[in-house]
Amino acid sequence: MTTKNKLKKGDNVRVITGSNKGTEGTVVSVSRQTNKAIVEGVNLIKKHNKPNAQNPQGGITEKEAPIHISNLSLLTSDGKTTRVGYREVDGVKVRFSKKTDEVI
C-alpha cells in the first residue's frame, strides 16, 4: 500500500526522528513502492565487499541506506521545516510550503 509521496528528487530535507535526527541532505532517489528515499550523507551503512575484478582488494565501503519518508521533512529556502500542500496556479498543479505559503 502506497501513500501520497510529497518528496521529489533534489529536495532539501531534514531527518525528524531516529538515530540521524537533525541531519540535513538532498534527496537522491525516491521509491514509491516502499515509501523510502535515499538522502545524500544520511543513514550511512558499511558494506563489506568481496574481492572481484573491479575491486581486487575488496574492503569496506560506506553507502546511503533508504530512510522512510515519514521520517523526513521538507526544508524551505530559509532552512525551516514545512509541510507540503498542492494548489493550481495558471492551470498547473504546483507544490507549496504550508508554513511560508511560497511555491516550491
PDB file of N, CA and C in Angstrom:
ATOM      1  N   MET A   1       0.837  -1.179   0.000  1.00  0.00           N
ATOM      2  CA  MET A   1       0.000   0.000   0.000  1.00  0.00           C
ATOM      3  C   MET A   1       0.884   1.245   0.000  1.00  0.00           C
ATOM      4  N   THR A   2       0.683   2.114  -0.945  1.00  0.00           N
ATOM      5  CA  THR A   2       1.475   3.330  -1.015  1.00  0.00           C
ATOM      6  C   THR A   2       0.626   4.529  -0.618  1.00  0.00           C
ATOM      7  N   THR A   3       1.280   5.536  -0.068  1.00  0.00           N
ATOM      8  CA  THR A   3       0.605   6.760   0.314  1.00  0.00           C
ATOM      9  C   THR A   3       1.060   7.885  -0.605  1.00  0.00           C
ATOM     10  N   LYS A   4       0.444   9.042  -0.469  1.00  0.00           N
ATOM     11  CA  LYS A   4       0.821  10.194  -1.273  1.00  0.00           C
ATOM     12  C   LYS A   4       2.225  10.635  -0.889  1.00  0.00           C
ATOM     13  N   ASN A   5       3.116  10.632  -1.856  1.00  0.00           N
ATOM     14  CA  ASN A   5       4.507  10.993  -1.627  1.00  0.00           C
ATOM     15  C   ASN A   5       4.720  12.437  -2.049  1.00  0.00           C
ATOM     16  N   LYS A   6       5.096  13.292  -1.117  1.00  0.00           N
ATOM     17  CA  LYS A   6       5.241  14.712  -1.417  1.00  0.00           C
ATOM     18  C   LYS A   6       6.688  15.140  -1.582  1.00  0.00           C
ATOM     19  N   LEU A   7       7.631  14.188  -1.502  1.00  0.00           N
ATOM     20  CA  LEU A   7       9.042  14.493  -1.699  1.00  0.00           C
ATOM     21  C   LEU A   7       9.459  14.093  -3.105  1.00  0.00           C
ATOM     22  N   LYS A   8      10.376  14.866  -3.675  1.00  0.00           N
ATOM     23  CA  LYS A   8      10.882  14.580  -5.012  1.00  0.00           C
ATOM     24  C   LYS A   8      12.400  14.620  -5.004  1.00  0.00           C
ATOM     25  N   LYS A   9      12.983  14.050  -6.035  1.00  0.00           N
ATOM     26  CA  LYS A   9      14.438  14.059  -6.200  1.00  0.00           C
ATOM     27  C   LYS A   9      14.920  15.504  -6.263  1.00  0.00           C
ATOM     28  N   GLY A  10      15.969  15.803  -5.486  1.00  0.00           N
ATOM     29  CA  GLY A  10      16.523  17.149  -5.478  1.00  0.00           C
ATOM     30  C   GLY A  10      16.026  18.027  -4.349  1.00  0.00           C
ATOM     31  N   ASP A  11      15.014  17.582  -3.595  1.00  0.00           N
ATOM     32  CA  ASP A  11      14.502  18.361  -2.458  1.00  0.00           C
ATOM     33  C   ASP A  11      15.504  18.345  -1.302  1.00  0.00           C
ATOM     34  N   ASN A  12      15.583  19.463  -0.588  1.00  0.00           N
ATOM     35  CA  ASN A  12      16.383  19.520   0.636  1.00  0.00           C
ATOM     36  C   ASN A  12      15.494  19.125   1.794  1.00  0.00           C
ATOM     37  N   VAL A  13      15.933  18.136   2.585  1.00  0.00           N
ATOM     38  CA  VAL A  13      15.122  17.606   3.674  1.00  0.00           C
ATOM     39  C   VAL A  13      15.928  17.529   4.960  1.00  0.00           C
ATOM     40  N   ARG A  14      15.200  17.407   6.090  1.00  0.00           N
ATOM     41  CA  ARG A  14      15.806  17.194   7.401  1.00  0.00           C
ATOM     42  C   ARG A  14      15.187  15.949   8.004  1.00  0.00           C
ATOM     43  N   VAL A  15      16.014  15.120   8.667  1.00  0.00           N
ATOM     44  CA  VAL A  15      15.518  13.931   9.343  1.00  0.00           C
ATOM     45  C   VAL A  15      14.908  14.384  10.663  1.00  0.00           C
ATOM     46  N   ILE A  16      13.657  13.970  10.937  1.00  0.00           N
ATOM     47  CA  ILE A  16      12.966  14.454  12.133  1.00  0.00           C
ATOM     48  C   ILE A  16      12.900  13.422  13.250  1.00  0.00           C
ATOM     49  N   THR A  17      13.162  12.144  12.962  1.00  0.00           N
ATOM     50  CA  THR A  17      13.198  11.120  14.007  1.00  0.00           C
ATOM     51  C   THR A  17      14.286  10.105  13.700  1.00  0.00           C
ATOM     52  N   GLY A  18      14.618   9.303  14.702  1.00  0.00           N
ATOM     53  CA  GLY A  18      15.581   8.229  14.501  1.00  0.00           C
ATOM     54  C   GLY A  18      16.983   8.615  14.901  1.00  0.00           C
ATOM     55  N   SER A  19      17.925   7.723  14.616  1.00  0.00           N
ATOM     56  CA  SER A  19      19.313   7.925  15.029  1.00  0.00           C
ATOM     57  C   SER A  19      19.997   9.050  14.260  1.00  0.00           C
ATOM     58  N   ASN A  20      19.459   9.420  13.093  1.00  0.00           N
ATOM     59  CA  ASN A  20      20.033  10.504  12.294  1.00  0.00           C
ATOM     60  C   ASN A  20      19.271  11.809  12.454  1.00  0.00           C
ATOM     61  N   LYS A  21      18.519  11.952  13.541  1.00  0.00           N
ATOM     62  CA  LYS A  21      17.666  13.120  13.762  1.00  0.00           C
ATOM     63  C   LYS A  21      18.470  14.414  13.685  1.00  0.00           C
ATOM     64  N   GLY A  22      17.945  15.386  12.931  1.00  0.00           N
ATOM     65  CA  GLY A  22      18.577  16.688  12.809  1.00  0.00           C
ATOM     66  C   GLY A  22      19.495  16.840  11.622  1.00  0.00           C
ATOM     67  N   THR A  23      19.886  15.743  10.987  1.00  0.00           N
ATOM     68  CA  THR A  23      20.787  15.851   9.836  1.00  0.00           C
ATOM     69  C   THR A  23      19.999  16.256   8.602  1.00  0.00           C
ATOM     70  N   GLU A  24      20.676  16.998   7.721  1.00  0.00           N
ATOM     71  CA  GLU A  24      20.039  17.506   6.510  1.00  0.00           C
ATOM     72  C   GLU A  24      20.773  16.988   5.285  1.00  0.00           C
ATOM     73  N   GLY A  25      20.050  16.903   4.177  1.00  0.00           N
ATOM     74  CA  GLY A  25      20.658  16.455   2.929  1.00  0.00           C
ATOM     75  C   GLY A  25      19.710  16.626   1.772  1.00  0.00           C
ATOM     76  N   THR A  26      20.165  16.223   0.606  1.00  0.00           N
ATOM     77  CA  THR A  26      19.384  16.316  -0.617  1.00  0.00           C
ATOM     78  C   THR A  26      18.906  14.929  -1.008  1.00  0.00           C
ATOM     79  N   VAL A  27      17.649  14.842  -1.441  1.00  0.00           N
ATOM     80  CA  VAL A  27      17.077  13.564  -1.847  1.00  0.00           C
ATOM     81  C   VAL A  27      17.729  13.126  -3.160  1.00  0.00           C
ATOM     82  N   VAL A  28      18.300  11.911  -3.161  1.00  0.00           N
ATOM     83  CA  VAL A  28      18.959  11.365  -4.343  1.00  0.00           C
ATOM     84  C   VAL A  28      17.958  10.573  -5.178  1.00  0.00           C
ATOM     85  N   SER A  29      17.132   9.757  -4.502  1.00  0.00           N
ATOM     86  CA  SER A  29      16.112   8.984  -5.204  1.00  0.00           C
ATOM     87  C   SER A  29      14.962   8.678  -4.261  1.00  0.00           C
ATOM     88  N   VAL A  30      13.789   8.410  -4.852  1.00  0.00           N
ATOM     89  CA  VAL A  30      12.587   8.099  -4.077  1.00  0.00           C
ATOM     90  C   VAL A  30      11.971   6.833  -4.643  1.00  0.00           C
ATOM     91  N   SER A  31      11.624   5.892  -3.760  1.00  0.00           N
ATOM     92  CA  SER A  31      10.929   4.670  -4.166  1.00  0.00           C
ATOM     93  C   SER A  31       9.476   4.785  -3.752  1.00  0.00           C
ATOM     94  N   ARG A  32       8.566   4.840  -4.718  1.00  0.00           N
ATOM     95  CA  ARG A  32       7.144   4.981  -4.432  1.00  0.00           C
ATOM     96  C   ARG A  32       6.551   3.682  -3.877  1.00  0.00           C
ATOM     97  N   GLN A  33       7.099   2.535  -4.251  1.00  0.00           N
ATOM     98  CA  GLN A  33       6.558   1.256  -3.787  1.00  0.00           C
ATOM     99  C   GLN A  33       6.802   1.049  -2.303  1.00  0.00           C
ATOM    100  N   THR A  34       7.982   1.409  -1.816  1.00  0.00           N
ATOM    101  CA  THR A  34       8.329   1.174  -0.416  1.00  0.00           C
ATOM    102  C   THR A  34       8.215   2.422   0.450  1.00  0.00           C
ATOM    103  N   ASN A  35       7.867   3.584  -0.154  1.00  0.00           N
ATOM    104  CA  ASN A  35       7.773   4.866   0.563  1.00  0.00           C
ATOM    105  C   ASN A  35       9.081   5.218   1.267  1.00  0.00           C
ATOM    106  N   LYS A  36      10.196   4.970   0.592  1.00  0.00           N
ATOM    107  CA  LYS A  36      11.505   5.286   1.156  1.00  0.00           C
ATOM    108  C   LYS A  36      12.281   6.181   0.202  1.00  0.00           C
ATOM    109  N   ALA A  37      13.204   6.927   0.773  1.00  0.00           N
ATOM    110  CA  ALA A  37      14.040   7.820  -0.022  1.00  0.00           C
ATOM    111  C   ALA A  37      15.494   7.649   0.406  1.00  0.00           C
ATOM    112  N   ILE A  38      16.393   7.858  -0.546  1.00  0.00           N
ATOM    113  CA  ILE A  38      17.819   7.868  -0.244  1.00  0.00           C
ATOM    114  C   ILE A  38      18.250   9.327  -0.193  1.00  0.00           C
ATOM    115  N   VAL A  39      18.827   9.724   0.945  1.00  0.00           N
ATOM    116  CA  VAL A  39      19.234  11.102   1.160  1.00  0.00           C
ATOM    117  C   VAL A  39      20.753  11.154   1.243  1.00  0.00           C
ATOM    118  N   GLU A  40      21.336  12.096   0.531  1.00  0.00           N
ATOM    119  CA  GLU A  40      22.791  12.227   0.443  1.00  0.00           C
ATOM    120  C   GLU A  40      23.404  12.505   1.815  1.00  0.00           C
ATOM    121  N   GLY A  41      24.299  11.622   2.265  1.00  0.00           N
ATOM    122  CA  GLY A  41      25.015  11.810   3.514  1.00  0.00           C
ATOM    123  C   GLY A  41      24.246  11.442   4.771  1.00  0.00           C
ATOM    124  N   VAL A  42      23.079  10.809   4.632  1.00  0.00           N
ATOM    125  CA  VAL A  42      22.242  10.457   5.774  1.00  0.00           C
ATOM    126  C   VAL A  42      22.029   8.950   5.800  1.00  0.00           C
ATOM    127  N   ASN A  43      21.977   8.360   7.008  1.00  0.00           N
ATOM    128  CA  ASN A  43      21.730   6.932   7.196  1.00  0.00           C
ATOM    129  C   ASN A  43      22.807   6.092   6.506  1.00  0.00           C
ATOM    130  N   LEU A  44      24.065   6.388   6.787  1.00  0.00           N
ATOM    131  CA  LEU A  44      25.184   5.684   6.167  1.00  0.00           C
ATOM    132  C   LEU A  44      25.366   4.304   6.798  1.00  0.00           C
ATOM    133  N   ILE A  45      25.610   3.305   5.944  1.00  0.00           N
ATOM    134  CA  ILE A  45      25.889   1.950   6.407  1.00  0.00           C
ATOM    135  C   ILE A  45      27.227   1.515   5.825  1.00  0.00           C
ATOM    136  N   LYS A  46      27.838   0.518   6.457  1.00  0.00           N
ATOM    137  CA  LYS A  46      29.097  -0.035   5.945  1.00  0.00           C
ATOM    138  C   LYS A  46      28.795  -1.333   5.222  1.00  0.00           C
ATOM    139  N   LYS A  47      29.293  -1.440   3.986  1.00  0.00           N
ATOM    140  CA  LYS A  47      29.071  -2.621   3.165  1.00  0.00           C
ATOM    141  C   LYS A  47      30.400  -3.339   2.991  1.00  0.00           C
ATOM    142  N   HIS A  48      30.440  -4.623   3.340  1.00  0.00           N
ATOM    143  CA  HIS A  48      31.650  -5.424   3.189  1.00  0.00           C
ATOM    144  C   HIS A  48      31.641  -6.053   1.806  1.00  0.00           C
ATOM    145  N   ASN A  49      32.671  -5.729   0.996  1.00  0.00           N
ATOM    146  CA  ASN A  49      32.737  -6.198  -0.382  1.00  0.00           C
ATOM    147  C   ASN A  49      33.797  -7.276  -0.542  1.00  0.00           C
ATOM    148  N   LYS A  50      33.418  -8.340  -1.239  1.00  0.00           N
ATOM    149  CA  LYS A  50      34.384  -9.391  -1.571  1.00  0.00           C
ATOM    150  C   LYS A  50      35.291  -8.898  -2.694  1.00  0.00           C
ATOM    151  N   PRO A  51      36.487  -9.419  -2.778  1.00  0.00           N
ATOM    152  CA  PRO A  51      37.346  -9.062  -3.913  1.00  0.00           C
ATOM    153  C   PRO A  51      36.723  -9.550  -5.230  1.00  0.00           C
ATOM    154  N   ASN A  52      36.793  -8.699  -6.261  1.00  0.00           N
ATOM    155  CA  ASN A  52      36.306  -9.075  -7.595  1.00  0.00           C
ATOM    156  C   ASN A  52      37.187  -8.394  -8.641  1.00  0.00           C
ATOM    157  N   ALA A  53      36.798  -8.502  -9.902  1.00  0.00           N
ATOM    158  CA  ALA A  53      37.621  -7.968 -10.984  1.00  0.00           C
ATOM    159  C   ALA A  53      37.751  -6.444 -10.894  1.00  0.00           C
ATOM    160  N   GLN A  54      36.661  -5.748 -10.547  1.00  0.00           N
ATOM    161  CA  GLN A  54      36.710  -4.285 -10.457  1.00  0.00           C
ATOM    162  C   GLN A  54      37.442  -3.831  -9.194  1.00  0.00           C
ATOM    163  N   ASN A  55      37.311  -4.598  -8.116  1.00  0.00           N
ATOM    164  CA  ASN A  55      37.924  -4.237  -6.843  1.00  0.00           C
ATOM    165  C   ASN A  55      38.696  -5.448  -6.314  1.00  0.00           C
ATOM    166  N   PRO A  56      39.937  -5.664  -6.800  1.00  0.00           N
ATOM    167  CA  PRO A  56      40.675  -6.864  -6.428  1.00  0.00           C
ATOM    168  C   PRO A  56      41.035  -6.932  -4.939  1.00  0.00           C
ATOM    169  N   GLN A  57      41.071  -5.798  -4.269  1.00  0.00           N
ATOM    170  CA  GLN A  57      41.422  -5.769  -2.854  1.00  0.00           C
ATOM    171  C   GLN A  57      40.223  -6.102  -1.955  1.00  0.00           C
ATOM    172  N   GLY A  58      38.994  -5.799  -2.429  1.00  0.00           N
ATOM    173  CA  GLY A  58      37.826  -5.960  -1.567  1.00  0.00           C
ATOM    174  C   GLY A  58      37.773  -4.800  -0.597  1.00  0.00           C
ATOM    175  N   GLY A  59      37.173  -4.991   0.560  1.00  0.00           N
ATOM    176  CA  GLY A  59      37.192  -3.961   1.587  1.00  0.00           C
ATOM    177  C   GLY A  59      35.808  -3.536   2.040  1.00  0.00           C
ATOM    178  N   ILE A  60      35.778  -2.462   2.796  1.00  0.00           N
ATOM    179  CA  ILE A  60      34.542  -1.949   3.376  1.00  0.00           C
ATOM    180  C   ILE A  60      34.250  -0.575   2.768  1.00  0.00           C
ATOM    181  N   THR A  61      33.038  -0.394   2.254  1.00  0.00           N
ATOM    182  CA  THR A  61      32.631   0.888   1.696  1.00  0.00           C
ATOM    183  C   THR A  61      31.413   1.397   2.451  1.00  0.00           C
ATOM    184  N   GLU A  62      31.259   2.723   2.485  1.00  0.00           N
ATOM    185  CA  GLU A  62      30.088   3.331   3.104  1.00  0.00           C
ATOM    186  C   GLU A  62      29.134   3.783   2.020  1.00  0.00           C
ATOM    187  N   LYS A  63      27.832   3.546   2.240  1.00  0.00           N
ATOM    188  CA  LYS A  63      26.824   3.998   1.291  1.00  0.00           C
ATOM    189  C   LYS A  63      25.571   4.385   2.053  1.00  0.00           C
ATOM    190  N   GLU A  64      24.695   5.145   1.380  1.00  0.00           N
ATOM    191  CA  GLU A  64      23.455   5.586   1.994  1.00  0.00           C
ATOM    192  C   GLU A  64      22.402   4.489   1.907  1.00  0.00           C
ATOM    193  N   ALA A  65      21.708   4.246   3.008  1.00  0.00           N
ATOM    194  CA  ALA A  65      20.603   3.299   3.026  1.00  0.00           C
ATOM    195  C   ALA A  65      19.301   4.094   2.930  1.00  0.00           C
ATOM    196  N   PRO A  66      18.235   3.474   2.412  1.00  0.00           N
ATOM    197  CA  PRO A  66      16.948   4.179   2.326  1.00  0.00           C
ATOM    198  C   PRO A  66      16.393   4.510   3.710  1.00  0.00           C
ATOM    199  N   ILE A  67      15.665   5.604   3.784  1.00  0.00           N
ATOM    200  CA  ILE A  67      15.020   6.032   5.022  1.00  0.00           C
ATOM    201  C   ILE A  67      13.559   6.323   4.697  1.00  0.00           C
ATOM    202  N   HIS A  68      12.652   5.962   5.602  1.00  0.00           N
ATOM    203  CA  HIS A  68      11.218   6.111   5.339  1.00  0.00           C
ATOM    204  C   HIS A  68      10.857   7.591   5.240  1.00  0.00           C
ATOM    205  N   ILE A  69       9.966   7.921   4.283  1.00  0.00           N
ATOM    206  CA  ILE A  69       9.649   9.330   4.036  1.00  0.00           C
ATOM    207  C   ILE A  69       8.900   9.979   5.194  1.00  0.00           C
ATOM    208  N   SER A  70       8.292   9.166   6.072  1.00  0.00           N
ATOM    209  CA  SER A  70       7.611   9.754   7.234  1.00  0.00           C
ATOM    210  C   SER A  70       8.617  10.319   8.229  1.00  0.00           C
ATOM    211  N   ASN A  71       9.872   9.932   8.112  1.00  0.00           N
ATOM    212  CA  ASN A  71      10.925  10.436   8.992  1.00  0.00           C
ATOM    213  C   ASN A  71      11.632  11.651   8.415  1.00  0.00           C
ATOM    214  N   LEU A  72      11.160  12.165   7.272  1.00  0.00           N
ATOM    215  CA  LEU A  72      11.781  13.299   6.604  1.00  0.00           C
ATOM    216  C   LEU A  72      10.817  14.474   6.549  1.00  0.00           C
ATOM    217  N   SER A  73      11.364  15.684   6.613  1.00  0.00           N
ATOM    218  CA  SER A  73      10.556  16.890   6.493  1.00  0.00           C
ATOM    219  C   SER A  73      11.239  17.825   5.507  1.00  0.00           C
ATOM    220  N   LEU A  74      10.453  18.411   4.623  1.00  0.00           N
ATOM    221  CA  LEU A  74      10.980  19.308   3.598  1.00  0.00           C
ATOM    222  C   LEU A  74      11.468  20.605   4.223  1.00  0.00           C
ATOM    223  N   LEU A  75      12.564  21.151   3.689  1.00  0.00           N
ATOM    224  CA  LEU A  75      13.106  22.420   4.168  1.00  0.00           C
ATOM    225  C   LEU A  75      12.728  23.542   3.216  1.00  0.00           C
ATOM    226  N   THR A  76      12.395  24.704   3.798  1.00  0.00           N
ATOM    227  CA  THR A  76      12.118  25.886   2.979  1.00  0.00           C
ATOM    228  C   THR A  76      13.441  26.552   2.621  1.00  0.00           C
ATOM    229  N   SER A  77      13.370  27.638   1.857  1.00  0.00           N
ATOM    230  CA  SER A  77      14.590  28.320   1.425  1.00  0.00           C
ATOM    231  C   SER A  77      15.349  28.948   2.606  1.00  0.00           C
ATOM    232  N   ASP A  78      14.651  29.258   3.707  1.00  0.00           N
ATOM    233  CA  ASP A  78      15.328  29.834   4.870  1.00  0.00           C
ATOM    234  C   ASP A  78      15.765  28.781   5.882  1.00  0.00           C
ATOM    235  N   GLY A  79      15.606  27.479   5.552  1.00  0.00           N
ATOM    236  CA  GLY A  79      16.129  26.403   6.382  1.00  0.00           C
ATOM    237  C   GLY A  79      15.199  25.887   7.456  1.00  0.00           C
ATOM    238  N   LYS A  80      13.899  26.215   7.389  1.00  0.00           N
ATOM    239  CA  LYS A  80      12.936  25.720   8.360  1.00  0.00           C
ATOM    240  C   LYS A  80      12.126  24.583   7.745  1.00  0.00           C
ATOM    241  N   THR A  81      11.686  23.662   8.606  1.00  0.00           N
ATOM    242  CA  THR A  81      10.890  22.543   8.105  1.00  0.00           C
ATOM    243  C   THR A  81       9.468  23.001   7.824  1.00  0.00           C
ATOM    244  N   THR A  82       8.818  22.335   6.876  1.00  0.00           N
ATOM    245  CA  THR A  82       7.459  22.697   6.499  1.00  0.00           C
ATOM    246  C   THR A  82       6.721  21.485   5.967  1.00  0.00           C
ATOM    247  N   ARG A  83       5.398  21.569   6.002  1.00  0.00           N
ATOM    248  CA  ARG A  83       4.578  20.564   5.344  1.00  0.00           C
ATOM    249  C   ARG A  83       4.305  21.027   3.925  1.00  0.00           C
ATOM    250  N   VAL A  84       3.855  20.101   3.075  1.00  0.00           N
ATOM    251  CA  VAL A  84       3.671  20.394   1.663  1.00  0.00           C
ATOM    252  C   VAL A  84       2.205  20.308   1.310  1.00  0.00           C
ATOM    253  N   GLY A  85       1.728  21.283   0.538  1.00  0.00           N
ATOM    254  CA  GLY A  85       0.369  21.261   0.021  1.00  0.00           C
ATOM    255  C   GLY A  85       0.401  21.415  -1.482  1.00  0.00           C
ATOM    256  N   TYR A  86      -0.754  21.234  -2.111  1.00  0.00           N
ATOM    257  CA  TYR A  86      -0.868  21.382  -3.553  1.00  0.00           C
ATOM    258  C   TYR A  86      -1.919  22.422  -3.872  1.00  0.00           C
ATOM    259  N   ARG A  87      -1.691  23.179  -4.936  1.00  0.00           N
ATOM    260  CA  ARG A  87      -2.685  24.117  -5.437  1.00  0.00           C
ATOM    261  C   ARG A  87      -2.476  24.273  -6.930  1.00  0.00           C
ATOM    262  N   GLU A  88      -3.456  24.871  -7.575  1.00  0.00           N
ATOM    263  CA  GLU A  88      -3.379  25.070  -9.011  1.00  0.00           C
ATOM    264  C   GLU A  88      -3.058  26.534  -9.289  1.00  0.00           C
ATOM    265  N   VAL A  89      -1.990  26.771 -10.047  1.00  0.00           N
ATOM    266  CA  VAL A  89      -1.592  28.114 -10.428  1.00  0.00           C
ATOM    267  C   VAL A  89      -1.527  28.163 -11.946  1.00  0.00           C
ATOM    268  N   ASP A  90      -2.357  28.994 -12.553  1.00  0.00           N
ATOM    269  CA  ASP A  90      -2.436  29.143 -14.008  1.00  0.00           C
ATOM    270  C   ASP A  90      -2.667  27.798 -14.703  1.00  0.00           C
ATOM    271  N   GLY A  91      -3.507  26.959 -14.126  1.00  0.00           N
ATOM    272  CA  GLY A  91      -3.834  25.669 -14.718  1.00  0.00           C
ATOM    273  C   GLY A  91      -2.789  24.600 -14.507  1.00  0.00           C
ATOM    274  N   VAL A  92      -1.762  24.870 -13.684  1.00  0.00           N
ATOM    275  CA  VAL A  92      -0.694  23.905 -13.420  1.00  0.00           C
ATOM    276  C   VAL A  92      -0.707  23.564 -11.935  1.00  0.00           C
ATOM    277  N   LYS A  93      -0.667  22.271 -11.605  1.00  0.00           N
ATOM    278  CA  LYS A  93      -0.628  21.830 -10.214  1.00  0.00           C
ATOM    279  C   LYS A  93       0.783  22.006  -9.678  1.00  0.00           C
ATOM    280  N   VAL A  94       0.929  22.766  -8.580  1.00  0.00           N
ATOM    281  CA  VAL A  94       2.246  23.039  -8.004  1.00  0.00           C
ATOM    282  C   VAL A  94       2.240  22.709  -6.518  1.00  0.00           C
ATOM    283  N   ARG A  95       3.429  22.439  -5.978  1.00  0.00           N
ATOM    284  CA  ARG A  95       3.584  22.221  -4.541  1.00  0.00           C
ATOM    285  C   ARG A  95       3.860  23.569  -3.881  1.00  0.00           C
ATOM    286  N   PHE A  96       3.369  23.736  -2.630  1.00  0.00           N
ATOM    287  CA  PHE A  96       3.673  24.950  -1.900  1.00  0.00           C
ATOM    288  C   PHE A  96       3.931  24.638  -0.440  1.00  0.00           C
ATOM    289  N   SER A  97       4.681  25.526   0.201  1.00  0.00           N
ATOM    290  CA  SER A  97       5.010  25.381   1.609  1.00  0.00           C
ATOM    291  C   SER A  97       3.837  25.869   2.439  1.00  0.00           C
ATOM    292  N   LYS A  98       3.354  25.032   3.359  1.00  0.00           N
ATOM    293  CA  LYS A  98       2.223  25.430   4.195  1.00  0.00           C
ATOM    294  C   LYS A  98       2.644  26.444   5.254  1.00  0.00           C
ATOM    295  N   LYS A  99       3.931  26.527   5.560  1.00  0.00           N
ATOM    296  CA  LYS A  99       4.399  27.459   6.579  1.00  0.00           C
ATOM    297  C   LYS A  99       4.599  28.860   5.998  1.00  0.00           C
ATOM    298  N   THR A 100       5.263  28.952   4.836  1.00  0.00           N
ATOM    299  CA  THR A 100       5.571  30.260   4.248  1.00  0.00           C
ATOM    300  C   THR A 100       4.666  30.601   3.074  1.00  0.00           C
ATOM    301  N   ASP A 101       3.854  29.656   2.626  1.00  0.00           N
ATOM    302  CA  ASP A 101       2.908  29.857   1.526  1.00  0.00           C
ATOM    303  C   ASP A 101       3.598  30.178   0.201  1.00  0.00           C
ATOM    304  N   GLU A 102       4.874  29.781   0.046  1.00  0.00           N
ATOM    305  CA  GLU A 102       5.589  30.019  -1.207  1.00  0.00           C
ATOM    306  C   GLU A 102       5.579  28.744  -2.055  1.00  0.00           C
ATOM    307  N   VAL A 103       5.610  28.914  -3.367  1.00  0.00           N
ATOM    308  CA  VAL A 103       5.620  27.785  -4.295  1.00  0.00           C
ATOM    309  C   VAL A 103       7.005  27.154  -4.271  1.00  0.00           C
ATOM    310  N   ILE A 104       7.035  25.817  -4.210  1.00  0.00           N
ATOM    311  CA  ILE A 104       8.304  25.095  -4.150  1.00  0.00           C
ATOM    312  C   ILE A 104       8.772  24.777  -5.563  1.00  0.00           C
TER     313      ILE A 104
END
